[in-house]
Amino acid sequence: MPEPLHIESGELTADEILDHLRDGRRLIVRAEMLGGIHEVTLRHDGKIFYCDTPTTLHKHEDEEGMRTCVMKMGYAKQ
């Protein structure tokens, strides 16, 4: 398994994030939330997309759900 890619929120587009996830790479995103800077882990197991935040684990059944999430949360470049 490749090393996780560490990025800042807004550094990559949603397409670039999804490309990395489909290739089996985990992304560690530094994001501002809950009054501080936290790391969020994005991953894909081949079927489900995961967004593991400091407070919860979001699951998305398809790419469109993950795309919506990374855009809404500000992880992807606009």
C-alpha atoms as a PDB file:
ATOM      1  CA  MET A   1       0.000   0.000   0.000  1.00  0.00           C
ATOM      2  CA  PRO A   2       1.406   3.429  -0.941  1.00  0.00           C
ATOM      3  CA  GLU A   3       2.235   5.958   1.761  1.00  0.00           C
ATOM      4  CA  PRO A   4      -0.626   8.337   2.578  1.00  0.00           C
ATOM      5  CA  LEU A   5      -0.521  11.653   0.757  1.00  0.00           C
ATOM      6  CA  HIS A   6      -0.606  14.638   3.126  1.00  0.00           C
ATOM      7  CA  ILE A   7      -2.360  17.713   1.721  1.00  0.00           C
ATOM      8  CA  GLU A   8      -3.895  20.988   2.889  1.00  0.00           C
ATOM      9  CA  SER A   9      -7.620  21.696   2.398  1.00  0.00           C
ATOM     10  CA  GLY A  10      -8.166  23.208  -1.034  1.00  0.00           C
ATOM     11  CA  GLU A  11      -4.836  22.014  -2.428  1.00  0.00           C
ATOM     12  CA  LEU A  12      -6.330  19.474  -4.889  1.00  0.00           C
ATOM     13  CA  THR A  13      -9.479  19.447  -7.001  1.00  0.00           C
ATOM     14  CA  ALA A  14     -12.249  16.936  -6.301  1.00  0.00           C
ATOM     15  CA  ASP A  15     -11.200  15.015  -9.441  1.00  0.00           C
ATOM     16  CA  GLU A  16      -7.590  14.818  -8.229  1.00  0.00           C
ATOM     17  CA  ILE A  17      -8.721  13.599  -4.797  1.00  0.00           C
ATOM     18  CA  LEU A  18     -10.954  10.931  -6.356  1.00  0.00           C
ATOM     19  CA  ASP A  19      -8.151   9.832  -8.706  1.00  0.00           C
ATOM     20  CA  HIS A  20      -5.831   9.232  -5.750  1.00  0.00           C
ATOM     21  CA  LEU A  21      -8.539   7.389  -3.811  1.00  0.00           C
ATOM     22  CA  ARG A  22      -9.413   5.131  -6.764  1.00  0.00           C
ATOM     23  CA  ASP A  23      -5.690   4.317  -7.065  1.00  0.00           C
ATOM     24  CA  GLY A  24      -5.787   3.009  -3.477  1.00  0.00           C
ATOM     25  CA  ARG A  25      -4.025   5.940  -1.854  1.00  0.00           C
ATOM     26  CA  ARG A  26      -5.136   7.414   1.460  1.00  0.00           C
ATOM     27  CA  LEU A  27      -5.204  11.179   1.742  1.00  0.00           C
ATOM     28  CA  ILE A  28      -4.577  12.955   5.013  1.00  0.00           C
ATOM     29  CA  VAL A  29      -6.138  16.412   4.742  1.00  0.00           C
ATOM     30  CA  ARG A  30      -5.268  19.188   7.185  1.00  0.00           C
ATOM     31  CA  ALA A  31      -8.513  21.079   7.702  1.00  0.00           C
ATOM     32  CA  GLU A  32      -9.758  23.812   9.962  1.00  0.00           C
ATOM     33  CA  MET A  33     -12.669  22.577  12.081  1.00  0.00           C
ATOM     34  CA  LEU A  34     -13.898  22.628  15.650  1.00  0.00           C
ATOM     35  CA  GLY A  35     -11.852  25.747  16.348  1.00  0.00           C
ATOM     36  CA  GLY A  36      -8.518  24.264  15.320  1.00  0.00           C
ATOM     37  CA  ILE A  37      -6.544  22.425  12.663  1.00  0.00           C
ATOM     38  CA  HIS A  38      -7.332  18.719  12.419  1.00  0.00           C
ATOM     39  CA  GLU A  39      -6.408  15.859  10.118  1.00  0.00           C
ATOM     40  CA  VAL A  40      -9.099  14.091   8.131  1.00  0.00           C
ATOM     41  CA  THR A  41      -8.388  10.765   6.442  1.00  0.00           C
ATOM     42  CA  LEU A  42      -9.987  10.055   3.064  1.00  0.00           C
ATOM     43  CA  ARG A  43      -9.857   6.517   1.690  1.00  0.00           C
ATOM     44  CA  HIS A  44     -11.541   4.032  -0.605  1.00  0.00           C
ATOM     45  CA  ASP A  45     -11.682   0.257  -0.075  1.00  0.00           C
ATOM     46  CA  GLY A  46     -12.722  -0.549  -3.651  1.00  0.00           C
ATOM     47  CA  LYS A  47     -16.429  -0.266  -2.875  1.00  0.00           C
ATOM     48  CA  ILE A  48     -17.004   2.385  -0.213  1.00  0.00           C
ATOM     49  CA  PHE A  49     -15.453   5.843   0.161  1.00  0.00           C
ATOM     50  CA  TYR A  50     -14.605   6.887   3.725  1.00  0.00           C
ATOM     51  CA  CYS A  51     -14.096  10.291   5.296  1.00  0.00           C
ATOM     52  CA  ASP A  52     -12.739   9.852   8.824  1.00  0.00           C
ATOM     53  CA  THR A  53     -12.978  13.123  10.777  1.00  0.00           C
ATOM     54  CA  PRO A  54     -12.104  13.797  14.432  1.00  0.00           C
ATOM     55  CA  THR A  55     -15.778  13.389  15.355  1.00  0.00           C
ATOM     56  CA  THR A  56     -17.250  10.817  12.966  1.00  0.00           C
ATOM     57  CA  LEU A  57     -16.726   8.400  10.089  1.00  0.00           C
ATOM     58  CA  HIS A  58     -18.706   9.286   6.953  1.00  0.00           C
ATOM     59  CA  LYS A  59     -19.301   6.588   4.349  1.00  0.00           C
ATOM     60  CA  HIS A  60     -20.208   7.227   0.731  1.00  0.00           C
ATOM     61  CA  GLU A  61     -21.492   4.515  -1.585  1.00  0.00           C
ATOM     62  CA  ASP A  62     -20.309   6.183  -4.782  1.00  0.00           C
ATOM     63  CA  GLU A  63     -17.963   8.785  -6.236  1.00  0.00           C
ATOM     64  CA  GLU A  64     -20.677  11.402  -6.502  1.00  0.00           C
ATOM     65  CA  GLY A  65     -21.372  11.178  -2.763  1.00  0.00           C
ATOM     66  CA  MET A  66     -17.663  11.548  -1.998  1.00  0.00           C
ATOM     67  CA  ARG A  67     -17.327  14.428  -4.470  1.00  0.00           C
ATOM     68  CA  THR A  68     -20.220  16.237  -2.791  1.00  0.00           C
ATOM     69  CA  CYS A  69     -18.642  15.688   0.636  1.00  0.00           C
ATOM     70  CA  VAL A  70     -15.142  16.940  -0.243  1.00  0.00           C
ATOM     71  CA  MET A  71     -16.621  20.012  -1.935  1.00  0.00           C
ATOM     72  CA  LYS A  72     -19.069  20.783   0.889  1.00  0.00           C
ATOM     73  CA  MET A  73     -16.417  20.353   3.589  1.00  0.00           C
ATOM     74  CA  GLY A  74     -13.861  22.457   1.705  1.00  0.00           C
ATOM     75  CA  TYR A  75     -11.298  19.664   1.315  1.00  0.00           C
ATOM     76  CA  ALA A  76     -11.230  20.181  -2.475  1.00  0.00           C
ATOM     77  CA  LYS A  77     -10.218  23.239  -4.487  1.00  0.00           C
ATOM     78  CA  GLN A  78     -13.205  25.135  -5.888  1.00  0.00           C
END
